[in-house]
Amino acid sequence: MWMMIGIISVGLVIVMAEVPSLIRKQEKKQLWVFAILLILGVGLSIAKTLNVHIPNPLEALIFFYQPISDVVMTWLS
């Protein structure tokens, strides 16, 4: 519980430090990207503190490219 509160607090501090300058400079695209990445990061951090299994993106790449690798290896041997 305290870890979640800490993660959200750090997220809010980051928002208070970064968002005003982005609004002043009228950088709407950067503000959207910042918000999406921050929400994604805070969400993943909270999920990690709750011991939720977060799959490794490398596993998906291995799943897709392993058959291709096997075919190429048979051609080369």
C-alpha atoms as a PDB file:
ATOM      1  CA  MET A   1       0.000   0.000   0.000  1.00  0.00           C
ATOM      2  CA  TRP A   2       2.743   2.445   0.958  1.00  0.00           C
ATOM      3  CA  MET A   3       4.715   1.593  -2.175  1.00  0.00           C
ATOM      4  CA  MET A   4       1.726   2.501  -4.349  1.00  0.00           C
ATOM      5  CA  ILE A   5       1.302   5.799  -2.546  1.00  0.00           C
ATOM      6  CA  GLY A   6       5.018   6.489  -3.014  1.00  0.00           C
ATOM      7  CA  ILE A   7       4.897   5.715  -6.734  1.00  0.00           C
ATOM      8  CA  ILE A   8       1.864   7.922  -7.248  1.00  0.00           C
ATOM      9  CA  SER A   9       3.517  10.701  -5.205  1.00  0.00           C
ATOM     10  CA  VAL A  10       6.654  10.585  -7.329  1.00  0.00           C
ATOM     11  CA  GLY A  11       4.479  10.638 -10.449  1.00  0.00           C
ATOM     12  CA  LEU A  12       2.675  13.722  -9.189  1.00  0.00           C
ATOM     13  CA  VAL A  13       5.977  15.472  -8.419  1.00  0.00           C
ATOM     14  CA  ILE A  14       7.147  14.736 -11.954  1.00  0.00           C
ATOM     15  CA  VAL A  15       3.876  16.089 -13.357  1.00  0.00           C
ATOM     16  CA  MET A  16       4.160  19.285 -11.296  1.00  0.00           C
ATOM     17  CA  ALA A  17       7.746  19.791 -12.487  1.00  0.00           C
ATOM     18  CA  GLU A  18       7.239  19.117 -16.204  1.00  0.00           C
ATOM     19  CA  VAL A  19       3.672  19.966 -17.219  1.00  0.00           C
ATOM     20  CA  PRO A  20       3.692  23.743 -16.555  1.00  0.00           C
ATOM     21  CA  SER A  21       6.636  24.317 -18.910  1.00  0.00           C
ATOM     22  CA  LEU A  22       5.023  22.181 -21.606  1.00  0.00           C
ATOM     23  CA  ILE A  23       1.777  24.145 -21.292  1.00  0.00           C
ATOM     24  CA  ARG A  24       3.614  27.486 -21.355  1.00  0.00           C
ATOM     25  CA  LYS A  25       5.463  26.505 -24.537  1.00  0.00           C
ATOM     26  CA  GLN A  26       2.180  25.186 -26.006  1.00  0.00           C
ATOM     27  CA  GLU A  27       3.729  21.828 -26.854  1.00  0.00           C
ATOM     28  CA  LYS A  28       0.579  19.727 -27.034  1.00  0.00           C
ATOM     29  CA  LYS A  29       2.100  16.729 -28.807  1.00  0.00           C
ATOM     30  CA  GLN A  30       4.922  16.475 -26.286  1.00  0.00           C
ATOM     31  CA  LEU A  31       2.411  16.823 -23.470  1.00  0.00           C
ATOM     32  CA  TRP A  32       0.368  13.888 -24.826  1.00  0.00           C
ATOM     33  CA  VAL A  33       3.461  11.711 -25.224  1.00  0.00           C
ATOM     34  CA  PHE A  34       4.641  12.674 -21.741  1.00  0.00           C
ATOM     35  CA  ALA A  35       1.241  11.851 -20.227  1.00  0.00           C
ATOM     36  CA  ILE A  36       0.947   8.506 -21.989  1.00  0.00           C
ATOM     37  CA  LEU A  37       4.466   7.395 -21.062  1.00  0.00           C
ATOM     38  CA  LEU A  38       4.093   8.573 -17.457  1.00  0.00           C
ATOM     39  CA  ILE A  39       0.760   6.779 -17.035  1.00  0.00           C
ATOM     40  CA  LEU A  40       2.254   3.645 -18.576  1.00  0.00           C
ATOM     41  CA  GLY A  41       5.296   3.822 -16.301  1.00  0.00           C
ATOM     42  CA  VAL A  42       3.305   4.484 -13.148  1.00  0.00           C
ATOM     43  CA  GLY A  43       0.843   1.726 -14.042  1.00  0.00           C
ATOM     44  CA  LEU A  44       3.601  -0.816 -14.669  1.00  0.00           C
ATOM     45  CA  SER A  45       5.358   0.181 -11.461  1.00  0.00           C
ATOM     46  CA  ILE A  46       2.190  -0.263  -9.434  1.00  0.00           C
ATOM     47  CA  ALA A  47       1.545  -3.617 -11.121  1.00  0.00           C
ATOM     48  CA  LYS A  48       5.084  -4.704 -10.247  1.00  0.00           C
ATOM     49  CA  THR A  49       4.578  -3.783  -6.585  1.00  0.00           C
ATOM     50  CA  LEU A  50       1.384  -5.879  -6.590  1.00  0.00           C
ATOM     51  CA  ASN A  51       3.409  -8.861  -7.923  1.00  0.00           C
ATOM     52  CA  VAL A  52       1.511  -8.978 -11.222  1.00  0.00           C
ATOM     53  CA  HIS A  53       3.365 -10.948 -13.897  1.00  0.00           C
ATOM     54  CA  ILE A  54       4.481  -8.506 -16.589  1.00  0.00           C
ATOM     55  CA  PRO A  55       5.616 -10.366 -19.705  1.00  0.00           C
ATOM     56  CA  ASN A  56       8.983  -9.566 -21.200  1.00  0.00           C
ATOM     57  CA  PRO A  57       8.670  -8.047 -24.719  1.00  0.00           C
ATOM     58  CA  LEU A  58      11.636 -10.154 -25.788  1.00  0.00           C
ATOM     59  CA  GLU A  59       9.505 -13.288 -25.385  1.00  0.00           C
ATOM     60  CA  ALA A  60       7.165 -12.051 -28.140  1.00  0.00           C
ATOM     61  CA  LEU A  61      10.099 -11.361 -30.466  1.00  0.00           C
ATOM     62  CA  ILE A  62      11.520 -14.820 -29.834  1.00  0.00           C
ATOM     63  CA  PHE A  63       8.101 -16.368 -30.513  1.00  0.00           C
ATOM     64  CA  PHE A  64       7.841 -14.659 -33.912  1.00  0.00           C
ATOM     65  CA  TYR A  65      11.439 -14.949 -35.086  1.00  0.00           C
ATOM     66  CA  GLN A  66      12.394 -18.418 -33.805  1.00  0.00           C
ATOM     67  CA  PRO A  67      10.797 -20.282 -36.762  1.00  0.00           C
ATOM     68  CA  ILE A  68      12.578 -17.986 -39.214  1.00  0.00           C
ATOM     69  CA  SER A  69      15.841 -18.520 -37.393  1.00  0.00           C
ATOM     70  CA  ASP A  70      15.356 -22.292 -37.506  1.00  0.00           C
ATOM     71  CA  VAL A  71      14.745 -22.234 -41.266  1.00  0.00           C
ATOM     72  CA  VAL A  72      17.787 -20.066 -41.926  1.00  0.00           C
ATOM     73  CA  MET A  73      19.955 -22.296 -39.730  1.00  0.00           C
ATOM     74  CA  THR A  74      18.881 -25.406 -41.644  1.00  0.00           C
ATOM     75  CA  TRP A  75      19.725 -23.674 -44.934  1.00  0.00           C
ATOM     76  CA  LEU A  76      23.159 -22.668 -43.673  1.00  0.00           C
ATOM     77  CA  SER A  77      24.133 -26.073 -42.258  1.00  0.00           C
END
